[in-house]
Amino acid sequence: MNPIEQTPGQSLRTLQIIATAMLLGPVIFLGIVVVLISQGSVQKIPEEVGTILTYLAIALMVVGGTLSNVLPPLIVRSVLAKLKAIDALQNNSSEKPAPSRVVMAIQSGFLIGQALAEAPTIFALIVYLLVQQPLLLGLAILGLILQLIRFPTQDWLRRQVEYWERELLRESS
């Protein structure tokens, strides 16, 4: 094993730490927003601007939520294809990449998916701070739920590795 490669357990721990950090950022910001609004420290913006920002927050959540589910498998497939091409150039005739390389590809897709769910969540919280509409708070909570339901576990990583190894075998035959 290459000294910079991680075991699946180390990779899982890394994913969990990053996923937790990406979840805690919006949760902490949510706490700050709630305190600022409850103290009356923030003035609402004009209704016309608030309406535009609300629609934008909804659109970003729809697009970000969709892309956070659609893009990760495409990214994993792309990374694995690139690894396979590199192996072919290096005359490494292995049928499939090492499990650590499959895990690396899964990590790449997962992190991009989480970022695509996190960004609209933060935007919804910013707009909630400015507009103070409960709909936006609900939208932000939806974004947090999107991140939470994909929190990486040992079972999740095992299923992902098994799936992608089957896909690689299927594509090879």
Protein backbone atom coordinates (compact mmCIF):
# COMPACT_ATOMS: atom_id res chain seq x y z
CA MET A 1 0.00 0.00 0.00
CA ASN A 2 1.21 3.46 -0.89
CA PRO A 3 2.07 5.39 2.32
CA ILE A 4 -0.35 8.19 1.38
CA GLU A 5 -3.25 5.77 0.80
CA GLN A 6 -5.68 5.26 3.64
CA THR A 7 -7.40 2.10 4.78
CA PRO A 8 -11.19 2.10 4.33
CA GLY A 9 -11.55 2.72 8.07
CA GLN A 10 -9.27 5.76 7.91
CA SER A 11 -11.11 7.01 4.85
CA LEU A 12 -14.44 6.61 6.62
CA ARG A 13 -13.17 8.53 9.65
CA THR A 14 -11.93 11.32 7.35
CA LEU A 15 -15.32 11.46 5.59
CA GLN A 16 -17.14 11.56 8.93
CA ILE A 17 -14.98 14.41 10.22
CA ILE A 18 -15.48 16.46 7.06
CA ALA A 19 -19.22 15.69 6.92
CA THR A 20 -19.57 16.73 10.57
CA ALA A 21 -17.71 19.99 9.94
CA MET A 22 -19.86 20.69 6.87
CA LEU A 23 -22.96 20.08 8.99
CA LEU A 24 -21.80 22.07 12.02
CA GLY A 25 -21.11 25.22 10.00
CA PRO A 26 -24.76 25.75 9.05
CA VAL A 27 -26.00 24.54 12.46
CA ILE A 28 -23.81 27.08 14.28
CA PHE A 29 -24.87 29.79 11.82
CA LEU A 30 -28.51 28.79 12.42
CA GLY A 31 -27.97 29.35 16.15
CA ILE A 32 -26.45 32.78 15.50
CA VAL A 33 -29.32 33.73 13.16
CA VAL A 34 -31.97 32.66 15.69
CA VAL A 35 -30.28 34.65 18.47
CA LEU A 36 -29.90 37.76 16.30
CA ILE A 37 -33.54 37.65 15.20
CA SER A 38 -34.86 36.95 18.71
CA GLN A 39 -32.91 39.93 20.05
CA GLY A 40 -34.25 42.18 17.30
CA SER A 41 -30.70 42.92 16.16
CA VAL A 42 -31.50 42.65 12.47
CA GLN A 43 -33.87 44.78 10.43
CA LYS A 44 -35.91 43.18 7.69
CA ILE A 45 -35.04 44.13 4.14
CA PRO A 46 -37.68 45.61 1.80
CA GLU A 47 -40.39 43.11 0.86
CA GLU A 48 -39.69 43.25 -2.90
CA VAL A 49 -36.05 42.30 -2.40
CA GLY A 50 -37.03 39.70 0.18
CA THR A 51 -39.42 38.05 -2.26
CA ILE A 52 -36.74 37.82 -4.93
CA LEU A 53 -34.23 36.39 -2.45
CA THR A 54 -36.80 33.90 -1.17
CA TYR A 55 -37.47 32.59 -4.68
CA LEU A 56 -33.74 32.45 -5.29
CA ALA A 57 -33.21 30.47 -2.07
CA ILE A 58 -35.93 28.01 -3.10
CA ALA A 59 -34.43 27.65 -6.58
CA LEU A 60 -30.93 27.12 -5.17
CA MET A 61 -32.21 24.45 -2.77
CA VAL A 62 -33.99 22.62 -5.59
CA VAL A 63 -30.96 22.79 -7.87
CA GLY A 64 -28.42 22.11 -5.11
CA GLY A 65 -30.48 19.29 -3.63
CA THR A 66 -30.92 17.68 -7.02
CA LEU A 67 -27.29 18.05 -8.03
CA SER A 68 -26.14 16.78 -4.62
CA ASN A 69 -27.82 13.49 -5.50
CA VAL A 70 -27.13 13.36 -9.24
CA LEU A 71 -23.50 14.46 -9.48
CA PRO A 72 -21.74 12.20 -6.93
CA PRO A 73 -22.22 8.96 -8.93
CA LEU A 74 -21.12 10.75 -12.10
CA ILE A 75 -18.01 12.01 -10.33
CA VAL A 76 -17.20 8.56 -8.92
CA ARG A 77 -17.59 7.03 -12.38
CA SER A 78 -15.36 9.72 -13.90
CA VAL A 79 -12.63 9.30 -11.26
CA LEU A 80 -12.67 5.53 -11.67
CA ALA A 81 -12.46 5.86 -15.45
CA LYS A 82 -9.46 8.16 -15.10
CA LEU A 83 -7.78 5.73 -12.70
CA LYS A 84 -8.40 2.91 -15.15
CA ALA A 85 -6.89 4.97 -17.99
CA ILE A 86 -3.83 5.77 -15.89
CA ASP A 87 -3.44 2.08 -15.04
CA ALA A 88 -3.68 1.22 -18.75
CA LEU A 89 -0.97 3.77 -19.60
CA GLN A 90 1.25 2.31 -16.89
CA ASN A 91 0.60 -1.23 -18.17
CA ASN A 92 -1.08 -2.20 -14.93
CA SER A 93 -3.48 -4.80 -16.30
CA SER A 94 -5.51 -5.21 -13.12
CA GLU A 95 -9.22 -5.73 -13.83
CA LYS A 96 -10.23 -3.21 -11.21
CA PRO A 97 -8.59 -0.50 -9.10
CA ALA A 98 -7.52 -1.34 -5.56
CA PRO A 99 -10.27 -0.86 -2.96
CA SER A 100 -8.44 2.19 -1.59
CA ARG A 101 -8.69 3.83 -5.01
CA VAL A 102 -12.40 3.02 -5.22
CA VAL A 103 -12.83 4.59 -1.77
CA MET A 104 -10.91 7.67 -2.95
CA ALA A 105 -13.34 8.05 -5.88
CA ILE A 106 -16.31 7.62 -3.52
CA GLN A 107 -14.87 10.30 -1.22
CA SER A 108 -14.60 12.75 -4.12
CA GLY A 109 -18.22 12.28 -5.11
CA PHE A 110 -19.48 12.38 -1.55
CA LEU A 111 -17.70 15.63 -0.68
CA ILE A 112 -18.98 17.42 -3.75
CA GLY A 113 -22.50 16.17 -3.00
CA GLN A 114 -22.30 17.46 0.56
CA ALA A 115 -21.01 20.85 -0.61
CA LEU A 116 -23.90 21.10 -3.07
CA ALA A 117 -26.33 20.53 -0.19
CA GLU A 118 -24.48 22.83 2.22
CA ALA A 119 -24.28 25.95 0.04
CA PRO A 120 -28.05 26.42 -0.46
CA THR A 121 -28.56 25.74 3.24
CA ILE A 122 -26.27 28.61 4.20
CA PHE A 123 -27.88 30.86 1.59
CA ALA A 124 -31.35 30.04 2.97
CA LEU A 125 -30.13 31.00 6.46
CA ILE A 126 -28.73 34.31 5.19
CA VAL A 127 -32.03 35.09 3.47
CA TYR A 128 -33.93 34.03 6.61
CA LEU A 129 -31.83 36.49 8.60
CA LEU A 130 -32.74 39.27 6.17
CA VAL A 131 -36.39 38.37 5.45
CA GLN A 132 -37.35 36.52 8.66
CA GLN A 133 -39.88 34.25 6.95
CA PRO A 134 -40.40 30.82 8.56
CA LEU A 135 -40.42 29.25 5.07
CA LEU A 136 -36.72 30.02 4.78
CA LEU A 137 -35.99 28.48 8.15
CA GLY A 138 -37.78 25.33 6.98
CA LEU A 139 -35.76 25.41 3.76
CA ALA A 140 -32.52 25.59 5.75
CA ILE A 141 -33.62 22.69 7.94
CA LEU A 142 -34.40 20.72 4.78
CA GLY A 143 -30.84 21.37 3.62
CA LEU A 144 -29.50 20.11 6.94
CA ILE A 145 -31.63 16.98 6.62
CA LEU A 146 -30.24 16.42 3.11
CA GLN A 147 -26.76 16.43 4.59
CA LEU A 148 -27.71 14.29 7.58
CA ILE A 149 -29.37 11.49 5.65
CA ARG A 150 -26.19 10.96 3.66
CA PHE A 151 -23.87 10.96 6.68
CA PRO A 152 -21.23 8.32 5.96
CA THR A 153 -21.33 5.15 8.04
CA GLN A 154 -19.35 1.94 7.83
CA ASP A 155 -22.31 0.18 6.24
CA TRP A 156 -22.77 3.02 3.71
CA LEU A 157 -19.11 2.89 2.69
CA ARG A 158 -19.18 -0.91 2.40
CA ARG A 159 -22.27 -0.76 0.17
CA GLN A 160 -20.72 1.97 -1.96
CA VAL A 161 -17.49 0.01 -2.46
CA GLU A 162 -19.42 -3.16 -3.33
CA TYR A 163 -21.62 -1.29 -5.80
CA TRP A 164 -18.74 0.40 -7.59
CA GLU A 165 -16.67 -2.78 -7.72
CA ARG A 166 -19.67 -4.55 -9.33
CA GLU A 167 -20.03 -1.66 -11.77
CA LEU A 168 -16.36 -1.90 -12.70
CA LEU A 169 -16.66 -5.65 -13.29
CA ARG A 170 -19.81 -5.14 -15.35
CA GLU A 171 -18.11 -2.52 -17.50
CA SER A 172 -15.06 -4.72 -17.97
CA SER A 173 -17.08 -7.65 -19.33
